């Protein structure tokens, strides 16, 4: 290979590396500007004292309204013991409006596909429908959106669902942390109208 050709290839390679570096810096800078904090969804447990709730009494009252039909459905064992129900709740506020988004899981309820089971199972999240509604609900339409990941009744320091809301583009982002690592297949973004 001639020296001129080698020099030309080296120049092109340096140019490509420079463009890539500039692109990476621009992307990092854009992420830095629009970075919003991730907040864990709050968990509220119904009909059990064995699982801790992280939600507030206001969260519990809101969830009782949103999930009234599901909470009233039978959830008992053959012996008459009521089984617990689990709900995750998050909310965002902008320009005087509040939007609540929530998941619900309970025995004998088909809102979620349970996690894998068996010796080879590696995931603890369920695939559920997420309910989204303006709050208060008075006459507003509720949206049930399928295919979202829900983690509940687990050690929250390593297993949780988090959300971030960027008010500049009105996009709600959700991610699932499982065993201390983000699960890319569970990451979702939703534009709030």
Protein backbone atom coordinates (compact mmCIF):
# COMPACT_ATOMS: atom_id res chain seq x y z
CA UNK A 1 0.00 0.00 0.00
CA UNK A 2 1.40 3.41 -0.92
CA UNK A 3 2.23 6.06 1.64
CA UNK A 4 -0.21 8.49 0.03
CA UNK A 5 -3.07 5.98 0.27
CA UNK A 6 -2.22 5.16 3.90
CA UNK A 7 -2.14 8.88 4.75
CA UNK A 8 -5.50 9.39 3.00
CA UNK A 9 -7.09 6.50 4.93
CA UNK A 10 -5.67 7.83 8.21
CA UNK A 11 -7.09 11.29 7.46
CA UNK A 12 -10.55 9.82 6.73
CA UNK A 13 -10.41 7.73 9.89
CA UNK A 14 -9.49 10.78 12.01
CA UNK A 15 -12.30 12.77 10.37
CA UNK A 16 -14.82 9.99 11.13
CA UNK A 17 -13.64 9.77 14.72
CA UNK A 18 -13.96 13.54 15.07
CA UNK A 19 -17.54 13.49 13.73
CA UNK A 20 -18.43 10.62 16.07
CA UNK A 21 -16.94 12.42 19.07
CA UNK A 22 -18.79 15.64 18.23
CA UNK A 23 -22.03 13.70 17.84
CA UNK A 24 -21.55 11.93 21.18
CA UNK A 25 -20.80 15.23 22.93
CA UNK A 26 -23.90 16.85 21.41
CA UNK A 27 -26.06 13.90 22.49
CA UNK A 28 -24.61 13.94 26.02
CA UNK A 29 -25.16 17.71 26.22
CA UNK A 30 -28.79 17.36 25.03
CA UNK A 31 -29.44 14.62 27.60
CA UNK A 32 -27.86 16.79 30.28
CA UNK A 33 -30.19 19.69 29.47
CA UNK A 34 -33.39 17.64 29.34
CA UNK A 35 -32.56 15.23 32.17
CA UNK A 36 -35.54 14.78 34.50
CA UNK A 37 -35.52 12.86 37.78
CA UNK A 38 -36.81 9.29 37.99
CA UNK A 39 -39.37 8.77 40.74
CA UNK A 40 -40.45 5.36 42.07
CA UNK A 41 -44.15 4.59 41.73
CA UNK A 42 -45.78 4.28 45.13
CA UNK A 43 -47.16 0.89 46.14
CA UNK A 44 -50.45 0.54 48.03
CA UNK A 45 -51.45 -2.86 49.39
CA UNK A 46 -55.07 -3.67 50.19
CA UNK A 47 -56.24 -6.35 52.65
CA UNK A 48 -52.82 -7.32 53.97
CA UNK A 49 -50.47 -6.18 56.69
CA UNK A 50 -47.70 -8.53 55.55
CA UNK A 51 -46.65 -6.33 52.62
CA UNK A 52 -45.59 -2.71 53.25
CA UNK A 53 -47.24 0.17 51.41
CA UNK A 54 -45.22 3.20 50.33
CA UNK A 55 -48.23 5.21 49.19
CA UNK A 56 -50.00 7.90 51.19
CA UNK A 57 -53.55 7.87 52.54
CA UNK A 58 -54.44 10.18 49.63
CA UNK A 59 -53.03 7.57 47.21
CA UNK A 60 -55.15 4.88 48.91
CA UNK A 61 -58.31 7.00 48.61
CA UNK A 62 -57.63 7.72 44.92
CA UNK A 63 -56.96 4.05 44.18
CA UNK A 64 -60.18 3.00 45.96
CA UNK A 65 -62.08 5.15 43.44
CA UNK A 66 -60.09 4.18 40.35
CA UNK A 67 -60.11 0.44 41.15
CA UNK A 68 -63.51 0.27 42.94
CA UNK A 69 -64.86 -2.51 40.70
CA UNK A 70 -61.69 -4.62 40.97
CA UNK A 71 -61.43 -4.14 44.75
CA UNK A 72 -65.07 -5.21 45.18
CA UNK A 73 -64.53 -8.45 43.20
CA UNK A 74 -64.08 -11.69 45.18
CA UNK A 75 -60.45 -12.36 46.13
CA UNK A 76 -60.80 -15.04 48.75
CA UNK A 77 -59.33 -18.48 49.27
CA UNK A 78 -61.47 -21.57 49.74
CA UNK A 79 -61.22 -20.91 53.47
CA UNK A 80 -62.75 -17.43 53.13
CA UNK A 81 -59.53 -15.46 53.71
CA UNK A 82 -59.35 -12.33 51.53
CA UNK A 83 -56.23 -12.26 49.40
CA UNK A 84 -54.26 -9.01 49.04
CA UNK A 85 -54.48 -6.63 46.12
CA UNK A 86 -51.52 -4.54 44.96
CA UNK A 87 -51.59 -1.19 43.19
CA UNK A 88 -48.86 1.11 41.95
CA UNK A 89 -49.60 4.80 41.55
CA UNK A 90 -47.83 7.81 40.12
CA UNK A 91 -49.01 11.24 39.09
CA UNK A 92 -47.86 14.32 37.25
CA UNK A 93 -49.10 17.90 37.47
CA UNK A 94 -48.82 20.62 34.88
CA UNK A 95 -50.66 23.91 34.39
CA UNK A 96 -53.19 23.09 37.12
CA UNK A 97 -53.98 19.64 35.70
CA UNK A 98 -53.22 16.33 37.38
CA UNK A 99 -52.91 12.99 35.60
CA UNK A 100 -52.83 9.75 37.59
CA UNK A 101 -51.45 6.49 36.19
CA UNK A 102 -51.76 3.21 38.02
CA UNK A 103 -51.46 -0.58 37.87
CA UNK A 104 -53.56 -3.17 39.73
CA UNK A 105 -52.85 -6.84 40.44
CA UNK A 106 -54.84 -9.30 42.53
CA UNK A 107 -55.84 -12.94 42.65
CA UNK A 108 -58.64 -13.87 40.23
CA UNK A 109 -58.05 -10.69 38.24
CA UNK A 110 -57.02 -10.82 34.59
CA UNK A 111 -55.47 -7.36 34.28
CA UNK A 112 -51.96 -8.86 34.38
CA UNK A 113 -50.09 -11.77 32.87
CA UNK A 114 -48.14 -13.28 35.76
CA UNK A 115 -44.35 -13.47 35.63
CA UNK A 116 -42.58 -16.56 34.40
CA UNK A 117 -42.57 -19.51 36.73
CA UNK A 118 -40.22 -22.47 37.07
CA UNK A 119 -36.56 -23.27 37.47
CA UNK A 120 -35.50 -21.24 34.41
CA UNK A 121 -37.57 -18.13 35.25
CA UNK A 122 -35.49 -14.95 35.37
CA UNK A 123 -38.09 -12.16 35.42
CA UNK A 124 -40.30 -11.10 38.33
CA UNK A 125 -42.39 -8.50 36.51
CA UNK A 126 -45.95 -9.01 35.32
CA UNK A 127 -47.27 -7.57 32.06
CA UNK A 128 -50.27 -5.42 32.95
CA UNK A 129 -52.61 -2.78 31.66
CA UNK A 130 -51.84 0.67 32.97
CA UNK A 131 -54.83 2.87 33.75
CA UNK A 132 -54.41 6.59 33.02
CA UNK A 133 -56.94 9.22 34.04
CA UNK A 134 -57.15 12.93 34.72
CA UNK A 135 -57.77 13.57 38.41
CA UNK A 136 -60.36 14.11 39.69
CA UNK A 137 -62.10 11.69 37.34
CA UNK A 138 -65.46 13.53 37.15
CA UNK A 139 -66.73 12.63 33.69
CA UNK A 140 -63.25 12.14 32.22
CA UNK A 141 -62.46 9.13 30.12
CA UNK A 142 -60.17 6.46 31.56
CA UNK A 143 -57.56 4.86 29.29
CA UNK A 144 -56.39 1.28 29.88
CA UNK A 145 -53.11 0.70 28.05
CA UNK A 146 -51.85 -2.92 27.78
CA UNK A 147 -48.30 -4.23 27.84
CA UNK A 148 -46.68 -2.34 30.72
CA UNK A 149 -44.39 -4.00 33.27
CA UNK A 150 -45.38 -4.08 36.93
CA UNK A 151 -43.20 -5.14 39.86
CA UNK A 152 -44.84 -5.39 43.26
CA UNK A 153 -44.41 -7.11 46.63
CA UNK A 154 -40.64 -7.13 46.10
CA UNK A 155 -37.62 -5.50 47.73
CA UNK A 156 -38.00 -1.95 46.43
CA UNK A 157 -34.33 -1.02 46.69
CA UNK A 158 -33.62 -3.38 43.77
CA UNK A 159 -37.08 -3.93 42.20
CA UNK A 160 -39.49 -1.15 41.26
CA UNK A 161 -41.20 0.79 38.50
CA UNK A 162 -40.03 4.39 38.07
CA UNK A 163 -41.36 7.29 36.05
CA UNK A 164 -40.07 10.61 34.77
CA UNK A 165 -42.10 13.42 33.26
CA UNK A 166 -40.60 15.99 30.94
CA UNK A 167 -43.00 18.93 31.01
CA UNK A 168 -41.35 20.53 27.95
CA UNK A 169 -42.50 17.74 25.63
CA UNK A 170 -45.26 16.32 27.93
CA UNK A 171 -43.82 12.82 27.71
CA UNK A 172 -44.18 10.37 30.57
CA UNK A 173 -41.42 7.77 30.63
CA UNK A 174 -41.60 4.53 32.61
CA UNK A 175 -38.85 2.05 33.33
CA UNK A 176 -38.64 -1.13 35.37
CA UNK A 177 -35.74 -1.92 37.69
CA UNK A 178 -35.32 -5.64 38.37
CA UNK A 179 -32.54 -7.00 40.60
CA UNK A 180 -30.96 -3.52 40.52
CA UNK A 181 -30.81 -3.29 36.71
CA UNK A 182 -33.05 -1.58 34.18
CA UNK A 183 -35.09 -3.95 31.99
CA UNK A 184 -34.93 -2.40 28.47
CA UNK A 185 -37.93 -4.42 27.25
CA UNK A 186 -40.08 -2.65 29.87
CA UNK A 187 -39.16 0.94 28.97
CA UNK A 188 -42.11 2.91 27.65
CA UNK A 189 -42.91 6.51 26.75
CA UNK A 190 -46.38 8.03 26.62
CA UNK A 191 -47.33 11.48 25.34
CA UNK A 192 -49.85 13.08 27.68
CA UNK A 193 -52.43 15.22 25.84
